[in-house]
Amino acid sequence: MDWNKDHIRETMLSLETAALKSAREKYLDYVSTARLDRSEPIENDEQAQAEVASDFAEALDDTLDDYVDKLDKLRTIDFGPKSEVSEGAVVKLSGKHFVISVSTGRFICHGQELMGISTIAPIYEAIEGARAGETVQFNGRDLTVEAVA
């Protein structure tokens, strides 16, 4: 596998930045509906709705923090060449390509579909340290590490 890992990192950063922007816009839009006009008497129903909205806004705030953490991590990972599965590696595992970094949805880079997985993902524990050509077990299935870069 001949990968331009700088391009992969930039693609992932761009996608995660867009996801953060979208989540932030949804968050701000939702939080604005959670505010009550304090100058008017508060109906119990309005108060309950505002409290539920506030709870959701707090959960969305955690999501924003997750995106910020992912972006920080992507900027600091060593994407240099790898000979075994470790953080910063691009791995071909049973026909699928993964970037060991942060969890992401599927994305296209270099015309190839990839997916980011984090080092805390259960599958990472199974493949960590494996080299190209080795077979690992995950959830009772044999998986072949076809390539590591």
N, C-alpha and C. Protein backbone atom coordinates (compact mmCIF):
# COMPACT_ATOMS: atom_id res chain seq x y z
N MET A 1 0.85 -1.18 0.00
CA MET A 1 0.00 0.00 0.00
C MET A 1 0.89 1.24 0.00
N ASP A 2 0.66 2.10 -0.94
CA ASP A 2 1.40 3.34 -1.01
C ASP A 2 0.43 4.48 -0.71
N TRP A 3 0.43 4.97 0.54
CA TRP A 3 -0.53 5.96 0.98
C TRP A 3 0.14 7.30 1.22
N ASN A 4 -0.53 8.36 0.87
CA ASN A 4 -0.11 9.70 1.27
C ASN A 4 -0.85 10.00 2.57
N LYS A 5 -0.18 9.70 3.68
CA LYS A 5 -0.85 9.83 4.98
C LYS A 5 -1.15 11.28 5.34
N ASP A 6 -0.35 12.22 4.83
CA ASP A 6 -0.67 13.63 5.07
C ASP A 6 -2.02 13.97 4.45
N HIS A 7 -2.28 13.43 3.28
CA HIS A 7 -3.57 13.67 2.62
C HIS A 7 -4.69 13.00 3.40
N ILE A 8 -4.44 11.81 3.92
CA ILE A 8 -5.45 11.12 4.74
C ILE A 8 -5.76 11.95 5.98
N ARG A 9 -4.71 12.44 6.66
CA ARG A 9 -4.92 13.26 7.86
C ARG A 9 -5.73 14.51 7.50
N GLU A 10 -5.36 15.19 6.41
CA GLU A 10 -6.08 16.40 6.01
C GLU A 10 -7.53 16.10 5.67
N THR A 11 -7.78 14.97 5.01
CA THR A 11 -9.15 14.57 4.70
C THR A 11 -9.94 14.34 5.98
N MET A 12 -9.34 13.62 6.92
CA MET A 12 -10.03 13.35 8.20
C MET A 12 -10.26 14.64 8.97
N LEU A 13 -9.27 15.52 9.01
CA LEU A 13 -9.43 16.80 9.71
C LEU A 13 -10.55 17.62 9.08
N SER A 14 -10.60 17.63 7.76
CA SER A 14 -11.64 18.39 7.05
C SER A 14 -13.03 17.83 7.37
N LEU A 15 -13.16 16.51 7.33
CA LEU A 15 -14.46 15.88 7.62
C LEU A 15 -14.88 16.11 9.06
N GLU A 16 -13.96 15.96 9.99
CA GLU A 16 -14.29 16.14 11.41
C GLU A 16 -14.57 17.61 11.72
N THR A 17 -13.87 18.53 11.05
CA THR A 17 -14.14 19.95 11.24
C THR A 17 -15.53 20.29 10.74
N ALA A 18 -15.91 19.74 9.59
CA ALA A 18 -17.27 19.96 9.06
C ALA A 18 -18.31 19.38 10.00
N ALA A 19 -18.03 18.20 10.57
CA ALA A 19 -18.97 17.58 11.51
C ALA A 19 -19.10 18.42 12.77
N LEU A 20 -17.98 18.97 13.25
CA LEU A 20 -18.02 19.84 14.42
C LEU A 20 -18.84 21.09 14.12
N LYS A 21 -18.62 21.69 12.97
CA LYS A 21 -19.36 22.91 12.59
C LYS A 21 -20.86 22.62 12.55
N SER A 22 -21.22 21.50 11.94
CA SER A 22 -22.63 21.12 11.85
C SER A 22 -23.21 20.87 13.25
N ALA A 23 -22.47 20.15 14.07
CA ALA A 23 -22.95 19.87 15.43
C ALA A 23 -23.08 21.16 16.23
N ARG A 24 -22.12 22.08 16.06
CA ARG A 24 -22.16 23.35 16.78
C ARG A 24 -23.39 24.17 16.35
N GLU A 25 -23.68 24.19 15.03
CA GLU A 25 -24.85 24.92 14.54
C GLU A 25 -26.13 24.32 15.11
N LYS A 26 -26.22 22.99 15.13
CA LYS A 26 -27.40 22.32 15.69
C LYS A 26 -27.51 22.62 17.18
N TYR A 27 -26.37 22.61 17.85
CA TYR A 27 -26.33 22.90 19.28
C TYR A 27 -26.86 24.31 19.56
N LEU A 28 -26.30 25.29 18.84
CA LEU A 28 -26.72 26.68 19.05
C LEU A 28 -28.19 26.88 18.73
N ASP A 29 -28.64 26.24 17.66
CA ASP A 29 -30.04 26.34 17.27
C ASP A 29 -30.92 25.73 18.37
N TYR A 30 -30.51 24.60 18.90
CA TYR A 30 -31.30 23.93 19.92
C TYR A 30 -31.28 24.69 21.24
N VAL A 31 -30.10 25.18 21.61
CA VAL A 31 -29.99 25.93 22.87
C VAL A 31 -30.85 27.18 22.82
N SER A 32 -30.92 27.83 21.66
CA SER A 32 -31.72 29.05 21.57
C SER A 32 -33.20 28.76 21.83
N THR A 33 -33.64 27.55 21.54
CA THR A 33 -35.04 27.20 21.81
C THR A 33 -35.24 26.79 23.27
N ALA A 34 -34.14 26.58 24.01
CA ALA A 34 -34.25 26.16 25.40
C ALA A 34 -34.39 27.34 26.36
N ARG A 35 -34.18 28.53 25.87
CA ARG A 35 -34.25 29.71 26.74
C ARG A 35 -35.70 30.16 26.91
N LEU A 36 -36.01 30.60 28.09
CA LEU A 36 -37.34 31.13 28.37
C LEU A 36 -37.25 32.64 28.53
N ASP A 37 -38.32 33.30 28.17
CA ASP A 37 -38.40 34.74 28.40
C ASP A 37 -38.74 34.94 29.87
N ARG A 38 -37.77 35.38 30.66
CA ARG A 38 -37.94 35.51 32.11
C ARG A 38 -38.85 36.67 32.51
N SER A 39 -39.22 37.51 31.57
CA SER A 39 -40.07 38.66 31.90
C SER A 39 -41.54 38.27 31.94
N GLU A 40 -41.88 37.07 31.43
CA GLU A 40 -43.27 36.63 31.43
C GLU A 40 -43.46 35.54 32.47
N PRO A 41 -44.69 35.40 32.98
CA PRO A 41 -44.95 34.28 33.90
C PRO A 41 -44.66 32.96 33.19
N ILE A 42 -44.07 32.03 33.93
CA ILE A 42 -43.68 30.76 33.33
C ILE A 42 -44.78 29.74 33.56
N GLU A 43 -45.26 29.17 32.49
CA GLU A 43 -46.21 28.07 32.57
C GLU A 43 -45.43 26.81 32.91
N ASN A 44 -46.03 25.91 33.68
CA ASN A 44 -45.35 24.67 34.06
C ASN A 44 -44.89 23.88 32.84
N ASP A 45 -45.71 23.84 31.80
CA ASP A 45 -45.38 23.09 30.60
C ASP A 45 -44.14 23.69 29.92
N GLU A 46 -44.10 25.02 29.86
CA GLU A 46 -42.94 25.69 29.25
C GLU A 46 -41.67 25.41 30.06
N GLN A 47 -41.81 25.42 31.39
CA GLN A 47 -40.66 25.15 32.25
C GLN A 47 -40.16 23.73 32.02
N ALA A 48 -41.05 22.78 31.96
CA ALA A 48 -40.67 21.38 31.73
C ALA A 48 -39.98 21.22 30.38
N GLN A 49 -40.53 21.86 29.36
CA GLN A 49 -39.93 21.79 28.02
C GLN A 49 -38.53 22.40 28.03
N ALA A 50 -38.39 23.52 28.73
CA ALA A 50 -37.08 24.18 28.80
C ALA A 50 -36.07 23.31 29.53
N GLU A 51 -36.51 22.61 30.58
CA GLU A 51 -35.60 21.74 31.32
C GLU A 51 -35.15 20.57 30.46
N VAL A 52 -36.07 19.98 29.71
CA VAL A 52 -35.72 18.89 28.79
C VAL A 52 -34.76 19.40 27.73
N ALA A 53 -35.06 20.56 27.18
CA ALA A 53 -34.19 21.16 26.16
C ALA A 53 -32.79 21.42 26.73
N SER A 54 -32.74 21.88 27.97
CA SER A 54 -31.45 22.14 28.61
C SER A 54 -30.66 20.85 28.77
N ASP A 55 -31.34 19.76 29.16
CA ASP A 55 -30.68 18.46 29.29
C ASP A 55 -30.10 18.01 27.95
N PHE A 56 -30.88 18.17 26.87
CA PHE A 56 -30.39 17.80 25.55
C PHE A 56 -29.21 18.68 25.14
N ALA A 57 -29.28 19.94 25.45
CA ALA A 57 -28.19 20.86 25.11
C ALA A 57 -26.90 20.44 25.80
N GLU A 58 -27.03 19.99 27.05
CA GLU A 58 -25.85 19.53 27.79
C GLU A 58 -25.25 18.29 27.12
N ALA A 59 -26.11 17.38 26.66
CA ALA A 59 -25.63 16.18 25.96
C ALA A 59 -24.94 16.58 24.65
N LEU A 60 -25.51 17.55 23.95
CA LEU A 60 -24.89 18.02 22.70
C LEU A 60 -23.56 18.68 22.99
N ASP A 61 -23.43 19.34 24.12
CA ASP A 61 -22.17 19.97 24.51
C ASP A 61 -21.07 18.92 24.62
N ASP A 62 -21.41 17.74 25.18
CA ASP A 62 -20.45 16.64 25.26
C ASP A 62 -20.03 16.20 23.86
N THR A 63 -20.97 16.17 22.92
CA THR A 63 -20.67 15.80 21.54
C THR A 63 -19.69 16.78 20.94
N LEU A 64 -19.89 18.07 21.18
CA LEU A 64 -18.96 19.08 20.67
C LEU A 64 -17.56 18.85 21.24
N ASP A 65 -17.48 18.55 22.53
CA ASP A 65 -16.19 18.27 23.15
C ASP A 65 -15.52 17.06 22.50
N ASP A 66 -16.32 16.03 22.15
CA ASP A 66 -15.78 14.85 21.49
C ASP A 66 -15.14 15.21 20.16
N TYR A 67 -15.80 16.06 19.38
CA TYR A 67 -15.25 16.47 18.09
C TYR A 67 -13.95 17.26 18.28
N VAL A 68 -13.94 18.15 19.24
CA VAL A 68 -12.73 18.95 19.51
C VAL A 68 -11.58 18.02 19.91
N ASP A 69 -11.87 17.04 20.76
CA ASP A 69 -10.85 16.07 21.18
C ASP A 69 -10.32 15.29 19.98
N LYS A 70 -11.22 14.87 19.08
CA LYS A 70 -10.81 14.13 17.89
C LYS A 70 -9.89 14.97 17.02
N LEU A 71 -10.26 16.23 16.82
CA LEU A 71 -9.42 17.11 16.00
C LEU A 71 -8.04 17.30 16.62
N ASP A 72 -7.98 17.50 17.93
CA ASP A 72 -6.70 17.64 18.62
C ASP A 72 -5.85 16.38 18.44
N LYS A 73 -6.47 15.23 18.60
CA LYS A 73 -5.75 13.96 18.48
C LYS A 73 -5.23 13.76 17.05
N LEU A 74 -6.07 14.05 16.06
CA LEU A 74 -5.65 13.90 14.66
C LEU A 74 -4.42 14.76 14.35
N ARG A 75 -4.35 15.93 14.96
CA ARG A 75 -3.22 16.84 14.69
C ARG A 75 -1.92 16.33 15.30
N THR A 76 -2.00 15.49 16.34
CA THR A 76 -0.80 15.08 17.06
C THR A 76 -0.34 13.65 16.77
N ILE A 77 -1.15 12.84 16.12
CA ILE A 77 -0.78 11.45 15.84
C ILE A 77 0.39 11.40 14.87
N ASP A 78 1.31 10.47 15.10
CA ASP A 78 2.43 10.21 14.19
C ASP A 78 1.92 9.29 13.08
N PHE A 79 1.73 9.85 11.89
CA PHE A 79 1.26 9.08 10.75
C PHE A 79 2.43 8.55 9.91
N GLY A 80 3.62 8.50 10.48
CA GLY A 80 4.77 7.98 9.75
C GLY A 80 4.58 6.52 9.39
N PRO A 81 5.51 5.97 8.58
CA PRO A 81 5.41 4.57 8.14
C PRO A 81 5.35 3.61 9.33
N LYS A 82 4.54 2.58 9.19
CA LYS A 82 4.38 1.58 10.25
C LYS A 82 4.60 0.19 9.66
N SER A 83 5.17 -0.71 10.45
CA SER A 83 5.35 -2.10 10.01
C SER A 83 4.41 -3.03 10.77
N GLU A 84 3.78 -2.51 11.81
CA GLU A 84 2.80 -3.28 12.56
C GLU A 84 1.63 -2.37 12.92
N VAL A 85 0.52 -2.97 13.27
CA VAL A 85 -0.68 -2.20 13.59
C VAL A 85 -0.44 -1.40 14.87
N SER A 86 -0.47 -0.08 14.72
CA SER A 86 -0.32 0.84 15.84
C SER A 86 -0.97 2.15 15.44
N GLU A 87 -1.06 3.08 16.39
CA GLU A 87 -1.67 4.37 16.11
C GLU A 87 -0.94 5.05 14.95
N GLY A 88 -1.70 5.56 14.00
CA GLY A 88 -1.13 6.22 12.83
C GLY A 88 -0.97 5.30 11.63
N ALA A 89 -1.26 4.03 11.80
CA ALA A 89 -1.14 3.07 10.69
C ALA A 89 -2.40 3.09 9.82
N VAL A 90 -2.20 2.79 8.54
CA VAL A 90 -3.31 2.46 7.66
C VAL A 90 -3.22 0.95 7.49
N VAL A 91 -4.35 0.28 7.75
CA VAL A 91 -4.37 -1.18 7.79
C VAL A 91 -5.42 -1.70 6.81
N LYS A 92 -5.03 -2.70 6.02
CA LYS A 92 -6.00 -3.41 5.20
C LYS A 92 -6.29 -4.71 5.94
N LEU A 93 -7.53 -4.82 6.39
CA LEU A 93 -7.95 -5.93 7.24
C LEU A 93 -9.10 -6.64 6.56
N SER A 94 -8.85 -7.85 6.10
CA SER A 94 -9.88 -8.65 5.41
C SER A 94 -10.61 -7.84 4.34
N GLY A 95 -9.84 -7.13 3.53
CA GLY A 95 -10.40 -6.39 2.39
C GLY A 95 -10.86 -4.98 2.67
N LYS A 96 -10.87 -4.57 3.93
CA LYS A 96 -11.30 -3.22 4.30
C LYS A 96 -10.11 -2.41 4.80
N HIS A 97 -10.13 -1.10 4.54
CA HIS A 97 -9.04 -0.21 4.96
C HIS A 97 -9.45 0.61 6.18
N PHE A 98 -8.55 0.64 7.15
CA PHE A 98 -8.79 1.39 8.38
C PHE A 98 -7.60 2.29 8.69
N VAL A 99 -7.89 3.44 9.29
CA VAL A 99 -6.86 4.35 9.76
C VAL A 99 -6.92 4.30 11.28
N ILE A 100 -5.84 3.88 11.91
CA ILE A 100 -5.81 3.78 13.36
C ILE A 100 -5.53 5.17 13.91
N SER A 101 -6.59 5.81 14.39
CA SER A 101 -6.46 7.20 14.83
C SER A 101 -7.63 7.56 15.75
N VAL A 102 -8.71 8.03 15.15
CA VAL A 102 -9.95 8.35 15.86
C VAL A 102 -11.09 7.68 15.12
N SER A 103 -12.17 7.42 15.81
CA SER A 103 -13.30 6.78 15.15
C SER A 103 -13.98 7.77 14.20
N THR A 104 -14.29 7.28 13.00
CA THR A 104 -14.99 8.10 12.01
C THR A 104 -15.97 7.21 11.26
N GLY A 105 -16.81 7.85 10.50
CA GLY A 105 -17.62 7.11 9.54
C GLY A 105 -16.73 6.78 8.35
N ARG A 106 -17.29 6.07 7.39
CA ARG A 106 -16.53 5.75 6.18
C ARG A 106 -16.29 7.03 5.38
N PHE A 107 -15.13 7.10 4.74
CA PHE A 107 -14.82 8.24 3.89
C PHE A 107 -13.93 7.77 2.74
N ILE A 108 -13.88 8.58 1.70
CA ILE A 108 -13.08 8.25 0.52
C ILE A 108 -11.83 9.12 0.49
N CYS A 109 -10.69 8.50 0.28
CA CYS A 109 -9.42 9.21 0.14
C CYS A 109 -8.56 8.39 -0.81
N HIS A 110 -7.92 9.05 -1.75
CA HIS A 110 -7.13 8.35 -2.77
C HIS A 110 -8.00 7.36 -3.55
N GLY A 111 -9.30 7.67 -3.68
CA GLY A 111 -10.21 6.77 -4.39
C GLY A 111 -10.52 5.50 -3.64
N GLN A 112 -10.11 5.41 -2.41
CA GLN A 112 -10.30 4.21 -1.60
C GLN A 112 -11.18 4.52 -0.40
N GLU A 113 -12.08 3.62 -0.07
CA GLU A 113 -12.91 3.80 1.12
C GLU A 113 -12.11 3.41 2.36
N LEU A 114 -12.12 4.29 3.36
CA LEU A 114 -11.44 4.06 4.62
C LEU A 114 -12.40 4.35 5.76
N MET A 115 -12.01 3.91 6.94
CA MET A 115 -12.76 4.24 8.16
C MET A 115 -11.74 4.40 9.28
N GLY A 116 -11.93 5.41 10.10
CA GLY A 116 -11.04 5.60 11.24
C GLY A 116 -11.52 4.79 12.42
N ILE A 117 -10.57 4.13 13.09
CA ILE A 117 -10.89 3.45 14.35
C ILE A 117 -9.90 3.93 15.40
N SER A 118 -10.38 4.04 16.62
CA SER A 118 -9.53 4.54 17.70
C SER A 118 -8.83 3.38 18.39
N THR A 119 -7.83 3.73 19.17
CA THR A 119 -7.08 2.71 19.90
C THR A 119 -7.87 2.16 21.10
N ILE A 120 -9.05 2.72 21.35
CA ILE A 120 -9.89 2.15 22.42
C ILE A 120 -11.02 1.30 21.85
N ALA A 121 -11.08 1.17 20.53
CA ALA A 121 -12.09 0.32 19.90
C ALA A 121 -11.76 -1.15 20.20
N PRO A 122 -12.77 -1.96 20.47
CA PRO A 122 -12.52 -3.38 20.76
C PRO A 122 -11.70 -4.09 19.67
N ILE A 123 -11.94 -3.76 18.41
CA ILE A 123 -11.19 -4.44 17.35
C ILE A 123 -9.70 -4.09 17.41
N TYR A 124 -9.37 -2.90 17.86
CA TYR A 124 -7.96 -2.51 17.93
C TYR A 124 -7.18 -3.45 18.86
N GLU A 125 -7.79 -3.82 19.96
CA GLU A 125 -7.14 -4.74 20.90
C GLU A 125 -6.75 -6.05 20.20
N ALA A 126 -7.62 -6.49 19.28
CA ALA A 126 -7.37 -7.74 18.57
C ALA A 126 -6.27 -7.62 17.52
N ILE A 127 -6.12 -6.45 16.92
CA ILE A 127 -5.16 -6.30 15.82
C ILE A 127 -3.87 -5.58 16.22
N GLU A 128 -3.84 -4.99 17.40
CA GLU A 128 -2.66 -4.22 17.83
C GLU A 128 -1.40 -5.08 17.74
N GLY A 129 -0.37 -4.53 17.10
CA GLY A 129 0.91 -5.21 16.99
C GLY A 129 1.00 -6.22 15.86
N ALA A 130 -0.11 -6.51 15.19
CA ALA A 130 -0.09 -7.49 14.10
C ALA A 130 0.66 -6.91 12.90
N ARG A 131 1.27 -7.81 12.13
CA ARG A 131 1.99 -7.43 10.92
C ARG A 131 1.26 -7.98 9.70
N ALA A 132 1.58 -7.43 8.54
CA ALA A 132 0.97 -7.90 7.29
C ALA A 132 1.18 -9.41 7.16
N GLY A 133 0.11 -10.10 6.78
CA GLY A 133 0.16 -11.54 6.60
C GLY A 133 -0.31 -12.33 7.81
N GLU A 134 -0.43 -11.67 8.94
CA GLU A 134 -0.87 -12.37 10.15
C GLU A 134 -2.39 -12.45 10.20
N THR A 135 -2.87 -13.47 10.89
CA THR A 135 -4.30 -13.65 11.12
C THR A 135 -4.58 -13.41 12.59
N VAL A 136 -5.64 -12.66 12.86
CA VAL A 136 -6.04 -12.36 14.23
C VAL A 136 -7.47 -12.83 14.43
N GLN A 137 -7.85 -12.97 15.67
CA GLN A 137 -9.23 -13.36 15.98
C GLN A 137 -9.97 -12.19 16.59
N PHE A 138 -11.21 -11.99 16.12
CA PHE A 138 -12.07 -10.96 16.68
C PHE A 138 -13.50 -11.47 16.65
N ASN A 139 -14.15 -11.49 17.80
CA ASN A 139 -15.53 -11.98 17.92
C ASN A 139 -15.69 -13.37 17.31
N GLY A 140 -14.70 -14.22 17.54
CA GLY A 140 -14.77 -15.59 17.07
C GLY A 140 -14.51 -15.78 15.58
N ARG A 141 -14.08 -14.72 14.90
CA ARG A 141 -13.79 -14.80 13.46
C ARG A 141 -12.31 -14.57 13.22
N ASP A 142 -11.79 -15.25 12.21
CA ASP A 142 -10.41 -15.00 11.78
C ASP A 142 -10.40 -13.82 10.82
N LEU A 143 -9.52 -12.87 11.07
CA LEU A 143 -9.34 -11.72 10.19
C LEU A 143 -7.89 -11.68 9.75
N THR A 144 -7.67 -11.43 8.48
CA THR A 144 -6.31 -11.37 7.95
C THR A 144 -5.86 -9.93 7.82
N VAL A 145 -4.69 -9.64 8.41
CA VAL A 145 -4.08 -8.33 8.23
C VAL A 145 -3.32 -8.41 6.91
N GLU A 146 -3.89 -7.81 5.87
CA GLU A 146 -3.33 -7.93 4.53
C GLU A 146 -2.18 -6.96 4.30
N ALA A 147 -2.24 -5.78 4.90
CA ALA A 147 -1.19 -4.79 4.72
C ALA A 147 -1.21 -3.80 5.88
N VAL A 148 -0.04 -3.24 6.16
CA VAL A 148 0.12 -2.20 7.19
C VAL A 148 1.05 -1.14 6.62
N ALA A 149 0.64 0.11 6.71
CA ALA A 149 1.50 1.19 6.21
C ALA A 149 1.55 2.32 7.22
